[in-house]
Amino acid sequence: MEELFSGGSRNRKLGHFSALVKIVNVDGKMSSAEETILKRFARKLDIDDVQYTEIVKNPQKYPTFPTNSKEIRLKQLHDMLCIIYADHSIDAEEAAFLNRYAIILGFPEEEANRIIARSIEIFSGHLDYYDYEYLLNREK
């Protein structure tokens, strides 16, 4: 995860983590599964306990910053999807937040909509056989 935020981008790490917290708050109270995942991401992003508590209490304090790297944007979306699917489902509010987040990260709106729709299919398990076969046999 550190390669996502090289170049001394502490604010980018805090902004990304605050976005993860915001998505947890979209559908109400944080579940224990969501909290476990958030704490794991906090460790990966070098966010200490004091910062963790501060961000959980007030995630609006830290803005999300766009990046020119598509790979970083996709990794950040993947992090977000891991949080969303902690409860094994996505609701309309979470999907709308995810679309907005993709645009904030720097994806053009049309591409964001396409990537999010496809990501939801993948994470929800709504793949047809050919997509499943492709993902299964694809080189890592």
N, C-alpha and C. Protein backbone atom coordinates (compact mmCIF):
# COMPACT_ATOMS: atom_id res chain seq x y z
N MET A 1 0.83 -1.19 0.00
CA MET A 1 0.00 0.00 0.00
C MET A 1 0.87 1.24 0.00
N GLU A 2 2.07 1.16 0.54
CA GLU A 2 2.91 2.35 0.63
C GLU A 2 3.21 2.94 -0.74
N GLU A 3 3.33 2.08 -1.77
CA GLU A 3 3.60 2.59 -3.11
C GLU A 3 2.46 3.47 -3.62
N LEU A 4 1.28 3.32 -3.05
CA LEU A 4 0.16 4.18 -3.45
C LEU A 4 0.41 5.64 -3.08
N PHE A 5 1.17 5.84 -2.04
CA PHE A 5 1.28 7.18 -1.48
C PHE A 5 2.72 7.62 -1.33
N SER A 6 3.59 7.21 -2.24
CA SER A 6 4.98 7.62 -2.16
C SER A 6 5.08 9.11 -2.47
N GLY A 7 6.21 9.67 -2.15
CA GLY A 7 6.41 11.09 -2.42
C GLY A 7 5.94 11.97 -1.29
N GLY A 8 5.84 11.43 -0.06
CA GLY A 8 5.51 12.25 1.09
C GLY A 8 4.08 12.75 1.11
N SER A 9 3.19 12.00 0.59
CA SER A 9 1.81 12.46 0.49
C SER A 9 1.00 12.07 1.71
N ARG A 10 1.35 12.60 2.85
CA ARG A 10 0.63 12.32 4.10
C ARG A 10 -0.83 12.75 3.99
N ASN A 11 -1.07 13.91 3.38
CA ASN A 11 -2.44 14.39 3.24
C ASN A 11 -3.28 13.48 2.36
N ARG A 12 -2.66 12.87 1.35
CA ARG A 12 -3.38 11.94 0.48
C ARG A 12 -3.79 10.70 1.28
N LYS A 13 -2.91 10.21 2.16
CA LYS A 13 -3.24 9.07 3.00
C LYS A 13 -4.41 9.40 3.92
N LEU A 14 -4.34 10.55 4.55
CA LEU A 14 -5.41 10.95 5.47
C LEU A 14 -6.73 11.14 4.72
N GLY A 15 -6.65 11.75 3.54
CA GLY A 15 -7.85 11.94 2.73
C GLY A 15 -8.46 10.63 2.29
N HIS A 16 -7.61 9.69 1.90
CA HIS A 16 -8.11 8.37 1.47
C HIS A 16 -8.77 7.66 2.65
N PHE A 17 -8.12 7.70 3.80
CA PHE A 17 -8.70 7.04 4.97
C PHE A 17 -10.01 7.70 5.38
N SER A 18 -10.07 9.03 5.32
CA SER A 18 -11.32 9.70 5.68
C SER A 18 -12.45 9.31 4.72
N ALA A 19 -12.12 9.09 3.45
CA ALA A 19 -13.14 8.63 2.49
C ALA A 19 -13.63 7.23 2.86
N LEU A 20 -12.72 6.37 3.32
CA LEU A 20 -13.13 5.04 3.76
C LEU A 20 -14.09 5.14 4.95
N VAL A 21 -13.80 6.05 5.86
CA VAL A 21 -14.67 6.25 7.02
C VAL A 21 -16.04 6.79 6.56
N LYS A 22 -16.02 7.71 5.61
CA LYS A 22 -17.29 8.28 5.11
C LYS A 22 -18.18 7.19 4.52
N ILE A 23 -17.60 6.25 3.80
CA ILE A 23 -18.42 5.20 3.20
C ILE A 23 -19.00 4.29 4.27
N VAL A 24 -18.27 4.06 5.34
CA VAL A 24 -18.80 3.27 6.45
C VAL A 24 -20.03 3.98 7.04
N ASN A 25 -19.97 5.29 7.10
CA ASN A 25 -21.06 6.06 7.71
C ASN A 25 -22.27 6.24 6.81
N VAL A 26 -22.15 5.90 5.54
CA VAL A 26 -23.26 6.09 4.60
C VAL A 26 -24.49 5.32 5.02
N ASP A 27 -24.30 4.09 5.46
CA ASP A 27 -25.46 3.26 5.80
C ASP A 27 -25.68 3.11 7.30
N GLY A 28 -25.18 4.05 8.07
CA GLY A 28 -25.45 4.03 9.51
C GLY A 28 -24.24 3.67 10.33
N LYS A 29 -24.48 3.00 11.42
CA LYS A 29 -23.44 2.66 12.39
C LYS A 29 -22.42 1.68 11.82
N MET A 30 -21.18 1.85 12.24
CA MET A 30 -20.09 1.00 11.79
C MET A 30 -20.25 -0.42 12.37
N SER A 31 -20.21 -1.40 11.49
CA SER A 31 -20.27 -2.80 11.94
C SER A 31 -18.89 -3.23 12.43
N SER A 32 -18.85 -4.34 13.15
CA SER A 32 -17.56 -4.83 13.63
C SER A 32 -16.66 -5.25 12.47
N ALA A 33 -17.26 -5.80 11.40
CA ALA A 33 -16.46 -6.18 10.22
C ALA A 33 -15.87 -4.93 9.57
N GLU A 34 -16.66 -3.87 9.45
CA GLU A 34 -16.16 -2.62 8.86
C GLU A 34 -15.07 -2.02 9.73
N GLU A 35 -15.26 -2.06 11.03
CA GLU A 35 -14.25 -1.52 11.95
C GLU A 35 -12.93 -2.29 11.83
N THR A 36 -13.01 -3.60 11.71
CA THR A 36 -11.81 -4.42 11.55
C THR A 36 -11.06 -4.03 10.28
N ILE A 37 -11.80 -3.87 9.20
CA ILE A 37 -11.17 -3.49 7.93
C ILE A 37 -10.59 -2.08 8.02
N LEU A 38 -11.34 -1.16 8.63
CA LEU A 38 -10.82 0.21 8.78
C LEU A 38 -9.52 0.23 9.57
N LYS A 39 -9.47 -0.54 10.64
CA LYS A 39 -8.25 -0.57 11.46
C LYS A 39 -7.08 -1.16 10.67
N ARG A 40 -7.37 -2.14 9.83
CA ARG A 40 -6.32 -2.72 8.98
C ARG A 40 -5.79 -1.67 8.00
N PHE A 41 -6.71 -0.92 7.36
CA PHE A 41 -6.28 0.13 6.45
C PHE A 41 -5.54 1.23 7.19
N ALA A 42 -5.95 1.56 8.39
CA ALA A 42 -5.26 2.59 9.19
C ALA A 42 -3.80 2.17 9.40
N ARG A 43 -3.59 0.92 9.75
CA ARG A 43 -2.21 0.43 9.94
C ARG A 43 -1.42 0.54 8.65
N LYS A 44 -2.02 0.12 7.53
CA LYS A 44 -1.32 0.16 6.24
C LYS A 44 -1.00 1.59 5.82
N LEU A 45 -1.83 2.53 6.23
CA LEU A 45 -1.63 3.93 5.85
C LEU A 45 -0.85 4.70 6.91
N ASP A 46 -0.32 4.00 7.90
CA ASP A 46 0.45 4.62 9.00
C ASP A 46 -0.36 5.68 9.73
N ILE A 47 -1.61 5.38 10.01
CA ILE A 47 -2.47 6.28 10.77
C ILE A 47 -2.51 5.76 12.20
N ASP A 48 -2.04 6.59 13.14
CA ASP A 48 -1.97 6.15 14.53
C ASP A 48 -3.35 6.22 15.19
N ASP A 49 -3.41 5.75 16.44
CA ASP A 49 -4.69 5.66 17.15
C ASP A 49 -5.35 7.02 17.34
N VAL A 50 -4.54 8.04 17.61
CA VAL A 50 -5.09 9.39 17.81
C VAL A 50 -5.72 9.90 16.50
N GLN A 51 -4.99 9.75 15.39
CA GLN A 51 -5.53 10.17 14.09
C GLN A 51 -6.76 9.35 13.72
N TYR A 52 -6.70 8.05 13.99
CA TYR A 52 -7.83 7.17 13.70
C TYR A 52 -9.09 7.69 14.39
N THR A 53 -8.98 7.94 15.69
CA THR A 53 -10.12 8.43 16.46
C THR A 53 -10.62 9.76 15.93
N GLU A 54 -9.69 10.65 15.62
CA GLU A 54 -10.05 11.97 15.10
C GLU A 54 -10.79 11.87 13.77
N ILE A 55 -10.28 11.04 12.88
CA ILE A 55 -10.90 10.89 11.56
C ILE A 55 -12.26 10.21 11.67
N VAL A 56 -12.38 9.21 12.51
CA VAL A 56 -13.67 8.53 12.69
C VAL A 56 -14.72 9.51 13.22
N LYS A 57 -14.29 10.40 14.12
CA LYS A 57 -15.22 11.39 14.68
C LYS A 57 -15.58 12.47 13.67
N ASN A 58 -14.61 12.87 12.82
CA ASN A 58 -14.83 13.98 11.90
C ASN A 58 -14.13 13.73 10.56
N PRO A 59 -14.65 12.81 9.75
CA PRO A 59 -13.99 12.50 8.48
C PRO A 59 -14.03 13.66 7.47
N GLN A 60 -14.94 14.61 7.66
CA GLN A 60 -15.05 15.75 6.73
C GLN A 60 -13.82 16.66 6.80
N LYS A 61 -13.06 16.55 7.85
CA LYS A 61 -11.90 17.42 8.06
C LYS A 61 -10.80 17.18 7.02
N TYR A 62 -10.78 15.99 6.43
CA TYR A 62 -9.70 15.62 5.52
C TYR A 62 -10.23 15.42 4.10
N PRO A 63 -9.88 16.30 3.18
CA PRO A 63 -10.36 16.15 1.79
C PRO A 63 -9.63 15.03 1.06
N THR A 64 -10.26 14.55 0.02
CA THR A 64 -9.67 13.54 -0.86
C THR A 64 -9.00 14.26 -2.01
N PHE A 65 -7.79 13.83 -2.37
CA PHE A 65 -7.03 14.48 -3.42
C PHE A 65 -6.94 13.60 -4.65
N PRO A 66 -7.19 14.16 -5.83
CA PRO A 66 -7.06 13.38 -7.06
C PRO A 66 -5.59 13.07 -7.36
N THR A 67 -5.39 12.06 -8.18
CA THR A 67 -4.04 11.68 -8.59
C THR A 67 -4.04 11.43 -10.10
N ASN A 68 -2.90 11.58 -10.71
CA ASN A 68 -2.77 11.32 -12.15
C ASN A 68 -2.62 9.84 -12.46
N SER A 69 -2.32 9.04 -11.46
CA SER A 69 -2.06 7.61 -11.67
C SER A 69 -3.37 6.81 -11.65
N LYS A 70 -3.67 6.19 -12.78
CA LYS A 70 -4.86 5.34 -12.85
C LYS A 70 -4.72 4.14 -11.92
N GLU A 71 -3.52 3.61 -11.81
CA GLU A 71 -3.29 2.46 -10.93
C GLU A 71 -3.61 2.82 -9.48
N ILE A 72 -3.16 3.99 -9.03
CA ILE A 72 -3.45 4.41 -7.66
C ILE A 72 -4.95 4.61 -7.47
N ARG A 73 -5.60 5.24 -8.46
CA ARG A 73 -7.06 5.44 -8.35
C ARG A 73 -7.78 4.10 -8.25
N LEU A 74 -7.38 3.13 -9.06
CA LEU A 74 -8.02 1.81 -9.00
C LEU A 74 -7.76 1.12 -7.67
N LYS A 75 -6.57 1.26 -7.14
CA LYS A 75 -6.26 0.65 -5.83
C LYS A 75 -7.09 1.31 -4.73
N GLN A 76 -7.27 2.63 -4.83
CA GLN A 76 -8.10 3.32 -3.85
C GLN A 76 -9.56 2.88 -3.97
N LEU A 77 -10.04 2.70 -5.18
CA LEU A 77 -11.41 2.19 -5.37
C LEU A 77 -11.53 0.77 -4.81
N HIS A 78 -10.50 -0.03 -5.00
CA HIS A 78 -10.52 -1.39 -4.47
C HIS A 78 -10.62 -1.36 -2.95
N ASP A 79 -9.85 -0.48 -2.31
CA ASP A 79 -9.94 -0.33 -0.85
C ASP A 79 -11.38 0.00 -0.45
N MET A 80 -11.97 0.93 -1.17
CA MET A 80 -13.34 1.35 -0.87
C MET A 80 -14.31 0.18 -1.03
N LEU A 81 -14.14 -0.59 -2.08
CA LEU A 81 -15.02 -1.75 -2.30
C LEU A 81 -14.86 -2.78 -1.19
N CYS A 82 -13.65 -2.96 -0.68
CA CYS A 82 -13.44 -3.89 0.43
C CYS A 82 -14.24 -3.45 1.66
N ILE A 83 -14.26 -2.15 1.92
CA ILE A 83 -15.04 -1.63 3.04
C ILE A 83 -16.53 -1.83 2.78
N ILE A 84 -16.98 -1.46 1.60
CA ILE A 84 -18.41 -1.56 1.28
C ILE A 84 -18.89 -3.00 1.40
N TYR A 85 -18.11 -3.93 0.89
CA TYR A 85 -18.54 -5.33 0.86
C TYR A 85 -18.20 -6.08 2.15
N ALA A 86 -17.82 -5.37 3.20
CA ALA A 86 -17.60 -6.03 4.49
C ALA A 86 -18.88 -6.72 4.96
N ASP A 87 -20.03 -6.14 4.59
CA ASP A 87 -21.31 -6.76 4.94
C ASP A 87 -21.90 -7.55 3.78
N HIS A 88 -21.11 -7.80 2.74
CA HIS A 88 -21.46 -8.65 1.59
C HIS A 88 -22.54 -8.06 0.69
N SER A 89 -22.77 -6.75 0.78
CA SER A 89 -23.76 -6.14 -0.10
C SER A 89 -23.44 -4.66 -0.30
N ILE A 90 -24.09 -4.07 -1.29
CA ILE A 90 -23.95 -2.65 -1.56
C ILE A 90 -25.36 -2.10 -1.74
N ASP A 91 -25.62 -0.94 -1.14
CA ASP A 91 -26.93 -0.33 -1.33
C ASP A 91 -26.79 0.88 -2.27
N ALA A 92 -27.90 1.49 -2.60
CA ALA A 92 -27.91 2.59 -3.57
C ALA A 92 -27.08 3.78 -3.09
N GLU A 93 -27.14 4.09 -1.79
CA GLU A 93 -26.36 5.22 -1.25
C GLU A 93 -24.86 4.95 -1.37
N GLU A 94 -24.46 3.73 -1.06
CA GLU A 94 -23.05 3.37 -1.17
C GLU A 94 -22.59 3.43 -2.61
N ALA A 95 -23.40 2.94 -3.54
CA ALA A 95 -23.04 2.98 -4.96
C ALA A 95 -22.92 4.42 -5.44
N ALA A 96 -23.82 5.29 -5.01
CA ALA A 96 -23.75 6.70 -5.39
C ALA A 96 -22.50 7.35 -4.82
N PHE A 97 -22.17 7.05 -3.56
CA PHE A 97 -20.96 7.58 -2.95
C PHE A 97 -19.74 7.09 -3.72
N LEU A 98 -19.73 5.83 -4.07
CA LEU A 98 -18.61 5.25 -4.80
C LEU A 98 -18.41 5.94 -6.14
N ASN A 99 -19.49 6.24 -6.84
CA ASN A 99 -19.39 6.99 -8.10
C ASN A 99 -18.80 8.37 -7.87
N ARG A 100 -19.28 9.07 -6.87
CA ARG A 100 -18.74 10.41 -6.56
C ARG A 100 -17.26 10.32 -6.20
N TYR A 101 -16.91 9.31 -5.42
CA TYR A 101 -15.52 9.14 -5.01
C TYR A 101 -14.62 8.90 -6.22
N ALA A 102 -15.07 8.08 -7.16
CA ALA A 102 -14.28 7.80 -8.37
C ALA A 102 -14.03 9.10 -9.15
N ILE A 103 -15.02 9.95 -9.22
CA ILE A 103 -14.86 11.23 -9.92
C ILE A 103 -13.91 12.14 -9.16
N ILE A 104 -14.03 12.17 -7.84
CA ILE A 104 -13.12 12.98 -7.02
C ILE A 104 -11.68 12.50 -7.20
N LEU A 105 -11.50 11.18 -7.35
CA LEU A 105 -10.16 10.64 -7.54
C LEU A 105 -9.56 11.03 -8.89
N GLY A 106 -10.40 11.47 -9.81
CA GLY A 106 -9.88 11.92 -11.10
C GLY A 106 -10.38 11.18 -12.32
N PHE A 107 -11.30 10.23 -12.15
CA PHE A 107 -11.86 9.54 -13.31
C PHE A 107 -12.89 10.45 -13.97
N PRO A 108 -12.89 10.52 -15.30
CA PRO A 108 -13.99 11.23 -15.98
C PRO A 108 -15.31 10.53 -15.63
N GLU A 109 -16.40 11.27 -15.62
CA GLU A 109 -17.69 10.75 -15.15
C GLU A 109 -18.12 9.47 -15.87
N GLU A 110 -18.01 9.44 -17.19
CA GLU A 110 -18.43 8.27 -17.94
C GLU A 110 -17.59 7.05 -17.58
N GLU A 111 -16.29 7.25 -17.47
CA GLU A 111 -15.40 6.14 -17.10
C GLU A 111 -15.67 5.69 -15.66
N ALA A 112 -15.91 6.65 -14.78
CA ALA A 112 -16.23 6.32 -13.39
C ALA A 112 -17.47 5.45 -13.33
N ASN A 113 -18.52 5.84 -14.05
CA ASN A 113 -19.75 5.06 -14.06
C ASN A 113 -19.51 3.64 -14.56
N ARG A 114 -18.70 3.50 -15.63
CA ARG A 114 -18.40 2.18 -16.19
C ARG A 114 -17.60 1.34 -15.20
N ILE A 115 -16.57 1.92 -14.62
CA ILE A 115 -15.71 1.18 -13.68
C ILE A 115 -16.50 0.75 -12.45
N ILE A 116 -17.32 1.63 -11.93
CA ILE A 116 -18.08 1.30 -10.72
C ILE A 116 -19.11 0.22 -11.02
N ALA A 117 -19.80 0.34 -12.13
CA ALA A 117 -20.79 -0.69 -12.50
C ALA A 117 -20.12 -2.05 -12.63
N ARG A 118 -18.98 -2.09 -13.28
CA ARG A 118 -18.25 -3.35 -13.47
C ARG A 118 -17.71 -3.87 -12.13
N SER A 119 -17.21 -2.97 -11.30
CA SER A 119 -16.69 -3.37 -9.99
C SER A 119 -17.79 -3.99 -9.13
N ILE A 120 -18.97 -3.40 -9.18
CA ILE A 120 -20.09 -3.94 -8.41
C ILE A 120 -20.45 -5.34 -8.92
N GLU A 121 -20.43 -5.53 -10.23
CA GLU A 121 -20.69 -6.86 -10.78
C GLU A 121 -19.66 -7.86 -10.26
N ILE A 122 -18.40 -7.46 -10.27
CA ILE A 122 -17.33 -8.36 -9.83
C ILE A 122 -17.45 -8.66 -8.34
N PHE A 123 -17.60 -7.63 -7.52
CA PHE A 123 -17.66 -7.85 -6.07
C PHE A 123 -18.95 -8.53 -5.64
N SER A 124 -20.03 -8.33 -6.39
CA SER A 124 -21.31 -8.95 -6.05
C SER A 124 -21.39 -10.39 -6.53
N GLY A 125 -20.46 -10.79 -7.35
CA GLY A 125 -20.49 -12.14 -7.89
C GLY A 125 -21.44 -12.29 -9.06
N HIS A 126 -21.83 -11.20 -9.66
CA HIS A 126 -22.77 -11.25 -10.78
C HIS A 126 -22.01 -11.28 -12.11
N LEU A 127 -21.18 -12.27 -12.25
CA LEU A 127 -20.39 -12.43 -13.46
C LEU A 127 -20.97 -13.54 -14.31
N ASP A 128 -20.93 -13.34 -15.62
CA ASP A 128 -21.29 -14.45 -16.47
C ASP A 128 -20.09 -15.40 -16.54
N TYR A 129 -20.30 -16.55 -17.12
CA TYR A 129 -19.27 -17.58 -17.14
C TYR A 129 -17.98 -17.09 -17.79
N TYR A 130 -18.08 -16.37 -18.90
CA TYR A 130 -16.89 -15.95 -19.64
C TYR A 130 -16.05 -14.95 -18.84
N ASP A 131 -16.72 -14.06 -18.13
CA ASP A 131 -15.99 -13.14 -17.26
C ASP A 131 -15.32 -13.89 -16.12
N TYR A 132 -16.05 -14.83 -15.54
CA TYR A 132 -15.50 -15.64 -14.46
C TYR A 132 -14.26 -16.39 -14.94
N GLU A 133 -14.38 -17.02 -16.10
CA GLU A 133 -13.27 -17.78 -16.66
C GLU A 133 -12.07 -16.87 -16.92
N TYR A 134 -12.32 -15.69 -17.48
CA TYR A 134 -11.24 -14.74 -17.75
C TYR A 134 -10.52 -14.34 -16.46
N LEU A 135 -11.28 -13.97 -15.46
CA LEU A 135 -10.66 -13.54 -14.19
C LEU A 135 -9.94 -14.69 -13.51
N LEU A 136 -10.49 -15.88 -13.62
CA LEU A 136 -9.87 -17.06 -13.00
C LEU A 136 -8.54 -17.41 -13.66
N ASN A 137 -8.47 -17.29 -14.98
CA ASN A 137 -7.28 -17.71 -15.72
C ASN A 137 -6.30 -16.58 -15.99
N ARG A 138 -6.65 -15.38 -15.63
CA ARG A 138 -5.80 -14.23 -15.90
C ARG A 138 -4.53 -14.29 -15.04
N GLU A 139 -3.44 -13.95 -15.67
CA GLU A 139 -2.16 -13.89 -14.94
C GLU A 139 -2.21 -12.77 -13.92
N LYS A 140 -1.60 -12.99 -12.78
CA LYS A 140 -1.56 -11.94 -11.75
C LYS A 140 -0.53 -10.93 -12.06
